């Protein structure tokens, strides 16, 4: 017995959202370390 087509669509959408969330998190970490000063630097100056 195979699941309905809506099940595949639902899991596909969830996978896309999870993947984009992880990708955004990695991009945010990589970008923040290079382009923007950290909050600790602002407090020390």
N, C-alpha and C. Protein backbone atom coordinates (compact mmCIF):
# COMPACT_ATOMS: atom_id res chain seq x y z
N UNK A 1 0.85 -1.19 0.00
CA UNK A 1 0.00 0.00 0.00
C UNK A 1 0.89 1.25 0.00
N UNK A 2 0.74 2.07 -1.01
CA UNK A 2 1.55 3.27 -1.11
C UNK A 2 0.82 4.48 -0.51
N UNK A 3 1.59 5.40 0.08
CA UNK A 3 0.94 6.62 0.60
C UNK A 3 0.47 7.50 -0.53
N UNK A 4 -0.41 8.40 -0.19
CA UNK A 4 -0.98 9.29 -1.20
C UNK A 4 0.06 10.29 -1.70
N UNK A 5 -0.23 10.91 -2.83
CA UNK A 5 0.70 11.89 -3.39
C UNK A 5 0.85 13.11 -2.48
N UNK A 6 -0.18 13.44 -1.71
CA UNK A 6 -0.08 14.59 -0.82
C UNK A 6 0.99 14.38 0.24
N UNK A 7 1.22 13.12 0.61
CA UNK A 7 2.25 12.83 1.61
C UNK A 7 3.62 13.19 1.08
N UNK A 8 3.89 12.83 -0.17
CA UNK A 8 5.18 13.16 -0.77
C UNK A 8 5.36 14.67 -0.89
N UNK A 9 4.28 15.36 -1.26
CA UNK A 9 4.35 16.82 -1.38
C UNK A 9 4.62 17.45 -0.01
N UNK A 10 3.95 16.95 1.01
CA UNK A 10 4.13 17.50 2.36
C UNK A 10 5.56 17.31 2.84
N UNK A 11 6.09 16.10 2.67
CA UNK A 11 7.47 15.86 3.11
C UNK A 11 8.46 16.65 2.27
N UNK A 12 8.17 16.86 1.01
CA UNK A 12 9.05 17.67 0.16
C UNK A 12 9.10 19.10 0.62
N UNK A 13 7.94 19.66 0.95
CA UNK A 13 7.89 21.05 1.43
C UNK A 13 8.62 21.17 2.77
N UNK A 14 8.40 20.21 3.67
CA UNK A 14 9.08 20.25 4.96
C UNK A 14 10.59 20.14 4.79
N UNK A 15 11.03 19.28 3.88
CA UNK A 15 12.47 19.12 3.64
C UNK A 15 13.07 20.41 3.10
N UNK A 16 12.35 21.08 2.21
CA UNK A 16 12.86 22.34 1.65
C UNK A 16 12.99 23.38 2.74
N UNK A 17 12.00 23.50 3.62
CA UNK A 17 12.08 24.48 4.69
C UNK A 17 13.22 24.17 5.66
N UNK A 18 13.40 22.92 6.01
CA UNK A 18 14.48 22.54 6.93
C UNK A 18 15.83 22.80 6.27
N UNK A 19 15.96 22.45 5.00
CA UNK A 19 17.22 22.64 4.30
C UNK A 19 17.55 24.13 4.18
N UNK A 20 16.56 24.95 3.85
CA UNK A 20 16.80 26.38 3.75
C UNK A 20 17.13 26.98 5.12
N UNK A 21 16.51 26.47 6.17
CA UNK A 21 16.83 26.95 7.51
C UNK A 21 18.27 26.65 7.89
N UNK A 22 18.74 25.45 7.60
CA UNK A 22 20.13 25.10 7.89
C UNK A 22 21.08 25.93 7.04
N UNK A 23 20.74 26.09 5.77
CA UNK A 23 21.59 26.87 4.86
C UNK A 23 21.68 28.32 5.31
N UNK A 24 20.55 28.88 5.72
CA UNK A 24 20.54 30.26 6.19
C UNK A 24 21.36 30.41 7.47
N UNK A 25 21.29 29.41 8.34
CA UNK A 25 22.03 29.46 9.59
C UNK A 25 23.54 29.43 9.32
N UNK A 26 23.97 28.59 8.41
CA UNK A 26 25.40 28.51 8.07
C UNK A 26 25.86 29.80 7.41
N UNK A 27 25.06 30.32 6.49
CA UNK A 27 25.43 31.56 5.81
C UNK A 27 25.49 32.73 6.79
N UNK A 28 24.59 32.75 7.76
CA UNK A 28 24.59 33.82 8.75
C UNK A 28 25.84 33.75 9.62
N UNK A 29 26.25 32.53 9.99
CA UNK A 29 27.45 32.40 10.81
C UNK A 29 28.70 32.79 10.04
N UNK A 30 28.80 32.37 8.80
CA UNK A 30 29.98 32.69 8.00
C UNK A 30 30.04 34.18 7.69
N UNK A 31 28.90 34.77 7.36
CA UNK A 31 28.89 36.18 7.01
C UNK A 31 29.11 37.09 8.20
N UNK A 32 28.58 36.74 9.36
CA UNK A 32 28.68 37.63 10.51
C UNK A 32 30.11 37.70 11.03
N UNK A 33 30.89 36.64 10.85
CA UNK A 33 32.25 36.65 11.38
C UNK A 33 33.18 37.50 10.53
N UNK A 34 32.84 37.71 9.26
CA UNK A 34 33.73 38.45 8.37
C UNK A 34 33.31 39.90 8.18
N UNK A 35 32.03 40.17 8.02
CA UNK A 35 31.59 41.49 7.57
C UNK A 35 31.19 42.42 8.70
N UNK A 36 30.74 41.88 9.81
CA UNK A 36 30.18 42.73 10.85
C UNK A 36 30.99 42.60 12.13
N UNK A 37 31.19 43.70 12.84
CA UNK A 37 31.87 43.61 14.13
C UNK A 37 30.96 42.92 15.15
N UNK A 38 31.54 42.23 16.07
CA UNK A 38 30.75 41.54 17.08
C UNK A 38 30.26 42.53 18.14
N UNK A 39 29.24 42.12 18.89
CA UNK A 39 28.66 43.02 19.87
C UNK A 39 29.65 43.31 20.99
N UNK A 40 30.58 42.39 21.28
CA UNK A 40 31.58 42.61 22.33
C UNK A 40 32.52 43.75 21.92
N UNK A 41 32.84 43.85 20.61
CA UNK A 41 33.73 44.91 20.15
C UNK A 41 33.09 46.28 20.34
N UNK A 42 31.80 46.38 20.15
CA UNK A 42 31.12 47.66 20.29
C UNK A 42 31.13 48.12 21.75
N UNK A 43 31.01 47.18 22.69
CA UNK A 43 30.98 47.55 24.10
C UNK A 43 32.36 48.00 24.58
N UNK A 44 33.42 47.42 24.04
CA UNK A 44 34.76 47.77 24.49
C UNK A 44 35.21 49.14 24.02
N UNK A 45 34.70 49.61 22.88
CA UNK A 45 35.18 50.88 22.33
C UNK A 45 34.54 52.08 22.99
